[in-house]
Amino acid sequence: MRGLDKLLQGVGGRPLIAHIASMALATGQPVTVTMAADRPARHAALAGMPVRLVAVPDPAAGMTASLQAGLAVLPVEAAVMVLLADMPDLTTADLATLITLARSYPDLILRACAEAGPPGHPVLFPPWVRPELAALTGDPGPRAILARHIDRLRLVPLPGSRAITDLDTPEDWADWAARRP
């Protein structure tokens, strides 16, 4: 982002991180946010929101460090939805779709995908996957777990490309903003 913090870019009149947290809170489920302790502007963007903030001790270790920090504070019997904070097109209804499906298919890993098929985020992991998530090392995150359990994975199509719209560069942001009504 060339020095800009993508999670502080404006979406709907507020920082993206607050937009995503609000959307997740609207599901009625508890929300845990993992982030580096040295991001005071991100912390300020979430001030007053009823989210549980968890410091990631080694944020340079990537998604795995965030997953492990979050898992360490969540009840062991709980399913875990991994929701990336840089996906502005996701909606509360998208998250609710995964939550509802998890009630019908509690032993399946549910992974959102684009309407046209490419897999994306969020991913809802049932409790039986948690030991594998906790044992991860390195930055690839849970890709190996998803591949290993392909027989217990269900793709959940979301409208359009919401499950794969990920804004990582100023150009991504400009393209996304140009497509907004």
N, C-alpha and C. Protein backbone atom coordinates (compact mmCIF):
# COMPACT_ATOMS: atom_id res chain seq x y z
N MET A 1 0.82 -1.20 0.00
CA MET A 1 0.00 0.00 0.00
C MET A 1 0.87 1.26 0.00
N ARG A 2 2.17 1.08 -0.18
CA ARG A 2 3.09 2.22 -0.27
C ARG A 2 2.98 3.17 0.93
N GLY A 3 2.99 2.57 2.11
CA GLY A 3 2.96 3.36 3.33
C GLY A 3 1.58 3.60 3.91
N LEU A 4 0.53 3.34 3.15
CA LEU A 4 -0.83 3.50 3.66
C LEU A 4 -1.26 2.21 4.37
N ASP A 5 -2.11 2.35 5.35
CA ASP A 5 -2.66 1.18 6.04
C ASP A 5 -3.99 0.84 5.39
N LYS A 6 -4.05 -0.28 4.68
CA LYS A 6 -5.27 -0.63 3.96
C LYS A 6 -6.47 -0.80 4.88
N LEU A 7 -6.24 -1.20 6.12
CA LEU A 7 -7.37 -1.40 7.03
C LEU A 7 -7.93 -0.10 7.58
N LEU A 8 -7.26 1.01 7.29
CA LEU A 8 -7.76 2.32 7.70
C LEU A 8 -8.37 3.09 6.53
N GLN A 9 -8.37 2.49 5.35
CA GLN A 9 -9.00 3.13 4.19
C GLN A 9 -10.51 3.18 4.43
N GLY A 10 -11.14 4.22 3.91
CA GLY A 10 -12.56 4.43 4.17
C GLY A 10 -13.49 3.53 3.37
N VAL A 11 -14.45 2.94 4.05
CA VAL A 11 -15.52 2.16 3.44
C VAL A 11 -16.80 2.53 4.18
N GLY A 12 -17.74 3.08 3.46
CA GLY A 12 -19.00 3.47 4.09
C GLY A 12 -18.82 4.52 5.18
N GLY A 13 -17.83 5.40 5.01
CA GLY A 13 -17.63 6.48 5.97
C GLY A 13 -16.85 6.13 7.22
N ARG A 14 -16.26 4.94 7.25
CA ARG A 14 -15.45 4.56 8.41
C ARG A 14 -14.29 3.69 7.94
N PRO A 15 -13.29 3.50 8.80
CA PRO A 15 -12.16 2.65 8.40
C PRO A 15 -12.61 1.22 8.09
N LEU A 16 -11.98 0.61 7.11
CA LEU A 16 -12.33 -0.75 6.70
C LEU A 16 -12.37 -1.70 7.89
N ILE A 17 -11.42 -1.62 8.80
CA ILE A 17 -11.40 -2.55 9.93
C ILE A 17 -12.66 -2.40 10.79
N ALA A 18 -13.16 -1.18 10.95
CA ALA A 18 -14.38 -0.95 11.71
C ALA A 18 -15.60 -1.45 10.92
N HIS A 19 -15.57 -1.28 9.61
CA HIS A 19 -16.65 -1.78 8.75
C HIS A 19 -16.77 -3.30 8.88
N ILE A 20 -15.65 -3.99 8.78
CA ILE A 20 -15.65 -5.45 8.87
C ILE A 20 -16.09 -5.90 10.27
N ALA A 21 -15.58 -5.25 11.31
CA ALA A 21 -15.96 -5.62 12.68
C ALA A 21 -17.45 -5.40 12.90
N SER A 22 -18.00 -4.30 12.41
CA SER A 22 -19.44 -4.03 12.56
C SER A 22 -20.27 -5.10 11.86
N MET A 23 -19.84 -5.46 10.67
CA MET A 23 -20.54 -6.49 9.90
C MET A 23 -20.52 -7.81 10.67
N ALA A 24 -19.39 -8.18 11.22
CA ALA A 24 -19.29 -9.43 11.97
C ALA A 24 -20.13 -9.37 13.25
N LEU A 25 -20.10 -8.25 13.94
CA LEU A 25 -20.90 -8.11 15.16
C LEU A 25 -22.38 -8.22 14.87
N ALA A 26 -22.81 -7.77 13.70
CA ALA A 26 -24.23 -7.81 13.34
C ALA A 26 -24.76 -9.23 13.21
N THR A 27 -23.88 -10.24 13.17
CA THR A 27 -24.34 -11.63 13.14
C THR A 27 -24.84 -12.07 14.50
N GLY A 28 -24.51 -11.32 15.53
CA GLY A 28 -24.88 -11.71 16.89
C GLY A 28 -23.88 -12.63 17.55
N GLN A 29 -22.83 -12.98 16.84
CA GLN A 29 -21.80 -13.86 17.38
C GLN A 29 -20.68 -13.02 18.01
N PRO A 30 -19.95 -13.58 18.99
CA PRO A 30 -18.81 -12.84 19.54
C PRO A 30 -17.73 -12.66 18.46
N VAL A 31 -17.04 -11.55 18.53
CA VAL A 31 -16.02 -11.23 17.52
C VAL A 31 -14.70 -10.99 18.23
N THR A 32 -13.68 -11.70 17.77
CA THR A 32 -12.32 -11.54 18.26
C THR A 32 -11.48 -11.01 17.13
N VAL A 33 -10.73 -9.95 17.40
CA VAL A 33 -9.87 -9.33 16.39
C VAL A 33 -8.43 -9.50 16.84
N THR A 34 -7.62 -10.08 15.98
CA THR A 34 -6.20 -10.23 16.29
C THR A 34 -5.43 -9.19 15.48
N MET A 35 -4.47 -8.54 16.14
CA MET A 35 -3.64 -7.57 15.43
C MET A 35 -2.40 -7.24 16.25
N ALA A 36 -1.44 -6.67 15.55
CA ALA A 36 -0.21 -6.25 16.21
C ALA A 36 -0.51 -5.17 17.23
N ALA A 37 0.20 -5.20 18.33
CA ALA A 37 -0.01 -4.21 19.39
C ALA A 37 0.45 -2.83 18.97
N ASP A 38 1.36 -2.77 17.99
CA ASP A 38 1.93 -1.47 17.59
C ASP A 38 1.13 -0.78 16.48
N ARG A 39 -0.17 -0.99 16.43
CA ARG A 39 -1.04 -0.36 15.44
C ARG A 39 -2.09 0.50 16.14
N PRO A 40 -1.68 1.59 16.78
CA PRO A 40 -2.64 2.38 17.57
C PRO A 40 -3.81 2.92 16.75
N ALA A 41 -3.61 3.24 15.49
CA ALA A 41 -4.72 3.76 14.68
C ALA A 41 -5.77 2.67 14.43
N ARG A 42 -5.33 1.45 14.27
CA ARG A 42 -6.29 0.34 14.11
C ARG A 42 -7.06 0.13 15.41
N HIS A 43 -6.34 0.17 16.51
CA HIS A 43 -7.00 0.02 17.81
C HIS A 43 -8.01 1.15 18.01
N ALA A 44 -7.64 2.36 17.66
CA ALA A 44 -8.54 3.51 17.80
C ALA A 44 -9.78 3.35 16.92
N ALA A 45 -9.61 2.77 15.74
CA ALA A 45 -10.75 2.58 14.83
C ALA A 45 -11.79 1.63 15.43
N LEU A 46 -11.34 0.76 16.32
CA LEU A 46 -12.25 -0.21 16.94
C LEU A 46 -12.71 0.21 18.34
N ALA A 47 -12.25 1.37 18.79
CA ALA A 47 -12.59 1.84 20.14
C ALA A 47 -14.10 1.91 20.31
N GLY A 48 -14.55 1.39 21.43
CA GLY A 48 -15.97 1.41 21.76
C GLY A 48 -16.77 0.28 21.14
N MET A 49 -16.17 -0.50 20.27
CA MET A 49 -16.87 -1.63 19.67
C MET A 49 -16.72 -2.84 20.60
N PRO A 50 -17.78 -3.64 20.76
CA PRO A 50 -17.70 -4.79 21.67
C PRO A 50 -17.00 -5.99 21.05
N VAL A 51 -15.76 -5.77 20.62
CA VAL A 51 -14.95 -6.86 20.09
C VAL A 51 -13.86 -7.18 21.10
N ARG A 52 -13.39 -8.40 21.05
CA ARG A 52 -12.27 -8.80 21.91
C ARG A 52 -10.99 -8.59 21.10
N LEU A 53 -10.13 -7.71 21.57
CA LEU A 53 -8.86 -7.46 20.90
C LEU A 53 -7.78 -8.36 21.48
N VAL A 54 -7.05 -9.02 20.60
CA VAL A 54 -5.99 -9.93 21.02
C VAL A 54 -4.71 -9.51 20.29
N ALA A 55 -3.68 -9.25 21.07
CA ALA A 55 -2.39 -8.88 20.48
C ALA A 55 -1.72 -10.10 19.88
N VAL A 56 -1.17 -9.93 18.69
CA VAL A 56 -0.41 -10.99 18.03
C VAL A 56 1.05 -10.75 18.39
N PRO A 57 1.68 -11.67 19.14
CA PRO A 57 3.03 -11.43 19.61
C PRO A 57 4.08 -11.30 18.50
N ASP A 58 3.91 -12.03 17.40
CA ASP A 58 4.88 -11.97 16.30
C ASP A 58 4.14 -11.77 14.99
N PRO A 59 3.63 -10.56 14.73
CA PRO A 59 2.83 -10.35 13.52
C PRO A 59 3.59 -10.61 12.23
N ALA A 60 4.91 -10.55 12.26
CA ALA A 60 5.70 -10.83 11.06
C ALA A 60 5.55 -12.29 10.63
N ALA A 61 5.09 -13.15 11.53
CA ALA A 61 4.89 -14.56 11.21
C ALA A 61 3.64 -14.78 10.37
N GLY A 62 2.87 -13.74 10.13
CA GLY A 62 1.74 -13.82 9.21
C GLY A 62 0.47 -14.39 9.79
N MET A 63 -0.35 -14.95 8.89
CA MET A 63 -1.68 -15.42 9.27
C MET A 63 -1.63 -16.48 10.36
N THR A 64 -0.62 -17.33 10.34
CA THR A 64 -0.53 -18.38 11.35
C THR A 64 -0.44 -17.79 12.75
N ALA A 65 0.36 -16.74 12.92
CA ALA A 65 0.49 -16.11 14.23
C ALA A 65 -0.85 -15.52 14.68
N SER A 66 -1.59 -14.93 13.75
CA SER A 66 -2.90 -14.37 14.08
C SER A 66 -3.88 -15.47 14.48
N LEU A 67 -3.89 -16.56 13.71
CA LEU A 67 -4.77 -17.69 14.03
C LEU A 67 -4.47 -18.23 15.42
N GLN A 68 -3.22 -18.44 15.71
CA GLN A 68 -2.85 -19.03 16.99
C GLN A 68 -3.17 -18.10 18.15
N ALA A 69 -2.98 -16.80 17.97
CA ALA A 69 -3.33 -15.84 19.03
C ALA A 69 -4.83 -15.87 19.29
N GLY A 70 -5.62 -15.91 18.23
CA GLY A 70 -7.07 -15.96 18.39
C GLY A 70 -7.54 -17.25 19.01
N LEU A 71 -7.02 -18.37 18.52
CA LEU A 71 -7.42 -19.67 19.06
C LEU A 71 -7.13 -19.79 20.55
N ALA A 72 -6.05 -19.18 20.99
CA ALA A 72 -5.64 -19.30 22.39
C ALA A 72 -6.65 -18.69 23.36
N VAL A 73 -7.50 -17.78 22.88
CA VAL A 73 -8.46 -17.13 23.79
C VAL A 73 -9.90 -17.57 23.57
N LEU A 74 -10.13 -18.42 22.58
CA LEU A 74 -11.49 -18.86 22.27
C LEU A 74 -11.81 -20.18 22.95
N PRO A 75 -13.07 -20.41 23.27
CA PRO A 75 -13.45 -21.70 23.88
C PRO A 75 -13.09 -22.86 22.94
N VAL A 76 -12.51 -23.92 23.49
CA VAL A 76 -12.02 -25.02 22.67
C VAL A 76 -13.13 -25.74 21.91
N GLU A 77 -14.36 -25.67 22.40
CA GLU A 77 -15.46 -26.36 21.73
C GLU A 77 -16.11 -25.52 20.63
N ALA A 78 -15.61 -24.32 20.42
CA ALA A 78 -16.24 -23.41 19.45
C ALA A 78 -15.68 -23.60 18.05
N ALA A 79 -16.58 -23.48 17.08
CA ALA A 79 -16.14 -23.37 15.69
C ALA A 79 -15.47 -22.01 15.53
N VAL A 80 -14.65 -21.86 14.51
CA VAL A 80 -13.91 -20.62 14.30
C VAL A 80 -14.09 -20.17 12.86
N MET A 81 -14.57 -18.94 12.69
CA MET A 81 -14.66 -18.35 11.36
C MET A 81 -13.45 -17.43 11.18
N VAL A 82 -12.68 -17.69 10.15
CA VAL A 82 -11.55 -16.83 9.82
C VAL A 82 -12.04 -15.84 8.77
N LEU A 83 -12.08 -14.58 9.18
CA LEU A 83 -12.57 -13.49 8.35
C LEU A 83 -11.45 -12.48 8.18
N LEU A 84 -10.98 -12.33 6.96
CA LEU A 84 -9.92 -11.37 6.71
C LEU A 84 -10.49 -9.96 6.72
N ALA A 85 -9.69 -9.01 7.18
CA ALA A 85 -10.19 -7.64 7.36
C ALA A 85 -10.04 -6.78 6.12
N ASP A 86 -9.54 -7.33 5.03
CA ASP A 86 -9.35 -6.49 3.83
C ASP A 86 -10.28 -6.90 2.68
N MET A 87 -11.47 -7.36 3.04
CA MET A 87 -12.44 -7.82 2.04
C MET A 87 -13.74 -7.02 2.18
N PRO A 88 -13.80 -5.83 1.60
CA PRO A 88 -14.88 -4.89 1.88
C PRO A 88 -16.24 -5.25 1.31
N ASP A 89 -16.32 -6.18 0.38
CA ASP A 89 -17.60 -6.48 -0.23
C ASP A 89 -18.42 -7.52 0.53
N LEU A 90 -17.82 -8.21 1.49
CA LEU A 90 -18.57 -9.18 2.27
C LEU A 90 -19.67 -8.48 3.06
N THR A 91 -20.74 -9.21 3.32
CA THR A 91 -21.87 -8.65 4.06
C THR A 91 -22.19 -9.51 5.28
N THR A 92 -22.98 -8.96 6.17
CA THR A 92 -23.44 -9.73 7.31
C THR A 92 -24.22 -10.95 6.83
N ALA A 93 -25.01 -10.78 5.78
CA ALA A 93 -25.78 -11.92 5.25
C ALA A 93 -24.85 -13.03 4.77
N ASP A 94 -23.69 -12.68 4.21
CA ASP A 94 -22.73 -13.70 3.78
C ASP A 94 -22.24 -14.50 4.98
N LEU A 95 -21.90 -13.80 6.04
CA LEU A 95 -21.42 -14.48 7.25
C LEU A 95 -22.53 -15.33 7.86
N ALA A 96 -23.74 -14.79 7.86
CA ALA A 96 -24.88 -15.54 8.41
C ALA A 96 -25.14 -16.81 7.60
N THR A 97 -24.92 -16.76 6.31
CA THR A 97 -25.08 -17.96 5.48
C THR A 97 -24.16 -19.07 5.97
N LEU A 98 -22.91 -18.75 6.22
CA LEU A 98 -21.96 -19.74 6.72
C LEU A 98 -22.36 -20.25 8.10
N ILE A 99 -22.76 -19.34 8.97
CA ILE A 99 -23.16 -19.71 10.33
C ILE A 99 -24.36 -20.65 10.30
N THR A 100 -25.34 -20.34 9.47
CA THR A 100 -26.53 -21.19 9.36
C THR A 100 -26.17 -22.56 8.80
N LEU A 101 -25.34 -22.60 7.78
CA LEU A 101 -24.92 -23.89 7.21
C LEU A 101 -24.16 -24.72 8.23
N ALA A 102 -23.38 -24.07 9.08
CA ALA A 102 -22.61 -24.80 10.09
C ALA A 102 -23.53 -25.53 11.06
N ARG A 103 -24.71 -24.99 11.28
CA ARG A 103 -25.67 -25.68 12.16
C ARG A 103 -26.17 -26.96 11.50
N SER A 104 -26.32 -26.94 10.18
CA SER A 104 -26.80 -28.12 9.45
C SER A 104 -25.67 -29.11 9.15
N TYR A 105 -24.46 -28.60 9.01
CA TYR A 105 -23.31 -29.42 8.66
C TYR A 105 -22.16 -29.15 9.64
N PRO A 106 -22.33 -29.51 10.90
CA PRO A 106 -21.35 -29.11 11.93
C PRO A 106 -19.98 -29.74 11.78
N ASP A 107 -19.84 -30.79 10.99
CA ASP A 107 -18.54 -31.43 10.84
C ASP A 107 -17.81 -31.04 9.57
N LEU A 108 -18.41 -30.16 8.77
CA LEU A 108 -17.77 -29.74 7.53
C LEU A 108 -17.04 -28.41 7.70
N ILE A 109 -15.93 -28.28 6.97
CA ILE A 109 -15.27 -26.99 6.84
C ILE A 109 -16.05 -26.25 5.75
N LEU A 110 -16.48 -25.05 6.04
CA LEU A 110 -17.25 -24.26 5.08
C LEU A 110 -16.37 -23.12 4.57
N ARG A 111 -16.20 -23.09 3.26
CA ARG A 111 -15.34 -22.05 2.67
C ARG A 111 -16.14 -21.27 1.63
N ALA A 112 -16.22 -19.98 1.82
CA ALA A 112 -16.90 -19.13 0.85
C ALA A 112 -16.15 -19.16 -0.46
N CYS A 113 -16.91 -19.03 -1.54
CA CYS A 113 -16.30 -18.93 -2.86
C CYS A 113 -17.09 -17.92 -3.68
N ALA A 114 -16.49 -17.49 -4.75
CA ALA A 114 -17.18 -16.58 -5.66
C ALA A 114 -18.29 -17.33 -6.37
N GLU A 115 -19.25 -16.60 -6.85
CA GLU A 115 -20.37 -17.19 -7.58
C GLU A 115 -19.87 -18.05 -8.74
N ALA A 116 -18.78 -17.61 -9.37
CA ALA A 116 -18.22 -18.34 -10.50
C ALA A 116 -17.29 -19.46 -10.07
N GLY A 117 -17.08 -19.64 -8.77
CA GLY A 117 -16.35 -20.80 -8.30
C GLY A 117 -15.05 -20.61 -7.56
N PRO A 118 -14.20 -19.62 -7.86
CA PRO A 118 -12.92 -19.59 -7.14
C PRO A 118 -13.11 -19.47 -5.63
N PRO A 119 -12.40 -20.29 -4.84
CA PRO A 119 -12.53 -20.23 -3.39
C PRO A 119 -11.94 -18.95 -2.83
N GLY A 120 -12.47 -18.53 -1.70
CA GLY A 120 -12.01 -17.31 -1.06
C GLY A 120 -12.22 -17.37 0.44
N HIS A 121 -12.79 -16.29 0.97
CA HIS A 121 -13.00 -16.16 2.41
C HIS A 121 -14.37 -15.56 2.65
N PRO A 122 -14.89 -15.77 3.84
CA PRO A 122 -14.31 -16.41 5.03
C PRO A 122 -14.35 -17.93 4.96
N VAL A 123 -13.69 -18.52 5.96
CA VAL A 123 -13.69 -19.97 6.13
C VAL A 123 -14.15 -20.25 7.56
N LEU A 124 -15.09 -21.17 7.69
CA LEU A 124 -15.58 -21.55 9.01
C LEU A 124 -15.09 -22.97 9.30
N PHE A 125 -14.28 -23.07 10.35
CA PHE A 125 -13.69 -24.35 10.75
C PHE A 125 -14.45 -24.93 11.93
N PRO A 126 -14.88 -26.19 11.84
CA PRO A 126 -15.52 -26.83 12.99
C PRO A 126 -14.48 -27.12 14.08
N PRO A 127 -14.95 -27.39 15.29
CA PRO A 127 -14.01 -27.60 16.40
C PRO A 127 -12.98 -28.69 16.17
N TRP A 128 -13.31 -29.74 15.41
CA TRP A 128 -12.36 -30.84 15.24
C TRP A 128 -11.09 -30.40 14.49
N VAL A 129 -11.13 -29.26 13.80
CA VAL A 129 -9.97 -28.78 13.04
C VAL A 129 -9.02 -27.96 13.92
N ARG A 130 -9.50 -27.51 15.05
CA ARG A 130 -8.71 -26.58 15.87
C ARG A 130 -7.32 -27.09 16.25
N PRO A 131 -7.12 -28.36 16.62
CA PRO A 131 -5.76 -28.80 16.93
C PRO A 131 -4.80 -28.62 15.73
N GLU A 132 -5.30 -28.87 14.53
CA GLU A 132 -4.46 -28.68 13.35
C GLU A 132 -4.16 -27.21 13.11
N LEU A 133 -5.14 -26.35 13.33
CA LEU A 133 -4.90 -24.91 13.18
C LEU A 133 -3.86 -24.44 14.20
N ALA A 134 -3.98 -24.92 15.43
CA ALA A 134 -3.05 -24.52 16.48
C ALA A 134 -1.63 -25.00 16.22
N ALA A 135 -1.48 -26.07 15.46
CA ALA A 135 -0.16 -26.63 15.18
C ALA A 135 0.51 -26.04 13.95
N LEU A 136 -0.16 -25.16 13.25
CA LEU A 136 0.41 -24.57 12.03
C LEU A 136 1.69 -23.80 12.34
N THR A 137 2.58 -23.78 11.36
CA THR A 137 3.78 -22.94 11.42
C THR A 137 3.95 -22.25 10.08
N GLY A 138 4.64 -21.14 10.08
CA GLY A 138 4.87 -20.41 8.83
C GLY A 138 3.68 -19.58 8.41
N ASP A 139 3.78 -18.96 7.24
CA ASP A 139 2.75 -18.02 6.80
C ASP A 139 1.71 -18.56 5.83
N PRO A 140 1.80 -19.77 5.33
CA PRO A 140 0.77 -20.15 4.36
C PRO A 140 -0.62 -20.27 4.96
N GLY A 141 -0.72 -20.18 6.28
CA GLY A 141 -2.03 -20.29 6.90
C GLY A 141 -2.58 -21.70 6.74
N PRO A 142 -3.89 -21.82 6.70
CA PRO A 142 -4.51 -23.15 6.72
C PRO A 142 -4.67 -23.83 5.37
N ARG A 143 -3.97 -23.39 4.34
CA ARG A 143 -4.13 -24.02 3.01
C ARG A 143 -3.90 -25.52 3.02
N ALA A 144 -2.88 -25.96 3.73
CA ALA A 144 -2.59 -27.40 3.78
C ALA A 144 -3.72 -28.16 4.47
N ILE A 145 -4.31 -27.56 5.48
CA ILE A 145 -5.43 -28.20 6.18
C ILE A 145 -6.62 -28.34 5.23
N LEU A 146 -6.90 -27.28 4.48
CA LEU A 146 -8.00 -27.32 3.52
C LEU A 146 -7.76 -28.40 2.47
N ALA A 147 -6.54 -28.53 2.00
CA ALA A 147 -6.22 -29.55 1.00
C ALA A 147 -6.31 -30.96 1.59
N ARG A 148 -5.84 -31.10 2.81
CA ARG A 148 -5.84 -32.42 3.46
C ARG A 148 -7.26 -32.92 3.73
N HIS A 149 -8.18 -32.01 3.94
CA HIS A 149 -9.55 -32.39 4.29
C HIS A 149 -10.54 -32.01 3.20
N ILE A 150 -10.12 -32.14 1.97
CA ILE A 150 -10.98 -31.77 0.83
C ILE A 150 -12.30 -32.54 0.86
N ASP A 151 -12.27 -33.76 1.41
CA ASP A 151 -13.49 -34.57 1.49
C ASP A 151 -14.46 -34.06 2.54
N ARG A 152 -13.99 -33.17 3.41
CA ARG A 152 -14.85 -32.59 4.45
C ARG A 152 -14.98 -31.08 4.29
N LEU A 153 -14.77 -30.63 3.06
CA LEU A 153 -14.84 -29.22 2.73
C LEU A 153 -16.05 -28.96 1.83
N ARG A 154 -16.81 -27.95 2.17
CA ARG A 154 -17.93 -27.57 1.32
C ARG A 154 -17.74 -26.12 0.91
N LEU A 155 -17.73 -25.88 -0.40
CA LEU A 155 -17.67 -24.52 -0.90
C LEU A 155 -19.06 -23.90 -0.83
N VAL A 156 -19.11 -22.65 -0.41
CA VAL A 156 -20.37 -21.93 -0.24
C VAL A 156 -20.33 -20.71 -1.16
N PRO A 157 -21.03 -20.77 -2.30
CA PRO A 157 -21.01 -19.63 -3.21
C PRO A 157 -21.69 -18.40 -2.62
N LEU A 158 -21.00 -17.28 -2.72
CA LEU A 158 -21.56 -15.99 -2.33
C LEU A 158 -21.79 -15.18 -3.61
N PRO A 159 -22.73 -14.26 -3.59
CA PRO A 159 -23.02 -13.48 -4.81
C PRO A 159 -21.79 -12.77 -5.36
N GLY A 160 -21.73 -12.74 -6.68
CA GLY A 160 -20.65 -12.01 -7.37
C GLY A 160 -19.28 -12.52 -6.98
N SER A 161 -18.39 -11.58 -6.71
CA SER A 161 -17.02 -11.92 -6.34
C SER A 161 -16.68 -11.48 -4.92
N ARG A 162 -17.71 -11.36 -4.08
CA ARG A 162 -17.48 -10.86 -2.72
C ARG A 162 -16.48 -11.70 -1.94
N ALA A 163 -16.48 -13.01 -2.16
CA ALA A 163 -15.59 -13.89 -1.40
C ALA A 163 -14.14 -13.80 -1.84
N ILE A 164 -13.88 -13.14 -2.94
CA ILE A 164 -12.49 -13.04 -3.42
C ILE A 164 -12.02 -11.61 -3.63
N THR A 165 -12.86 -10.63 -3.36
CA THR A 165 -12.45 -9.23 -3.49
C THR A 165 -11.56 -8.88 -2.31
N ASP A 166 -10.28 -8.73 -2.59
CA ASP A 166 -9.25 -8.51 -1.59
C ASP A 166 -8.43 -7.31 -2.06
N LEU A 167 -8.37 -6.27 -1.26
CA LEU A 167 -7.72 -5.03 -1.68
C LEU A 167 -6.36 -4.89 -1.00
N ASP A 168 -5.29 -5.06 -1.79
CA ASP A 168 -3.94 -5.04 -1.23
C ASP A 168 -3.06 -3.90 -1.72
N THR A 169 -3.46 -3.21 -2.78
CA THR A 169 -2.63 -2.14 -3.34
C THR A 169 -3.48 -0.90 -3.58
N PRO A 170 -2.85 0.26 -3.72
CA PRO A 170 -3.62 1.46 -4.07
C PRO A 170 -4.41 1.28 -5.37
N GLU A 171 -3.85 0.53 -6.30
CA GLU A 171 -4.56 0.28 -7.56
C GLU A 171 -5.81 -0.57 -7.33
N ASP A 172 -5.70 -1.58 -6.46
CA ASP A 172 -6.87 -2.39 -6.10
C ASP A 172 -7.96 -1.49 -5.54
N TRP A 173 -7.58 -0.59 -4.65
CA TRP A 173 -8.55 0.32 -4.03
C TRP A 173 -9.19 1.23 -5.07
N ALA A 174 -8.38 1.77 -5.97
CA ALA A 174 -8.92 2.67 -7.00
C ALA A 174 -9.88 1.92 -7.92
N ASP A 175 -9.50 0.71 -8.34
CA ASP A 175 -10.39 -0.10 -9.19
C ASP A 175 -11.69 -0.41 -8.47
N TRP A 176 -11.59 -0.80 -7.21
CA TRP A 176 -12.77 -1.13 -6.43
C TRP A 176 -13.68 0.09 -6.29
N ALA A 177 -13.10 1.23 -5.96
CA ALA A 177 -13.89 2.46 -5.78
C ALA A 177 -14.57 2.86 -7.08
N ALA A 178 -13.92 2.64 -8.20
CA ALA A 178 -14.50 2.99 -9.50
C ALA A 178 -15.71 2.13 -9.84
N ARG A 179 -15.76 0.91 -9.29
CA ARG A 179 -16.88 0.00 -9.55
C ARG A 179 -18.05 0.20 -8.60
N ARG A 180 -17.85 0.97 -7.55
CA ARG A 180 -18.90 1.18 -6.55
C ARG A 180 -19.97 2.11 -7.10
N PRO A 181 -21.22 1.84 -6.75
CA PRO A 181 -22.29 2.75 -7.22
C PRO A 181 -22.23 4.11 -6.56
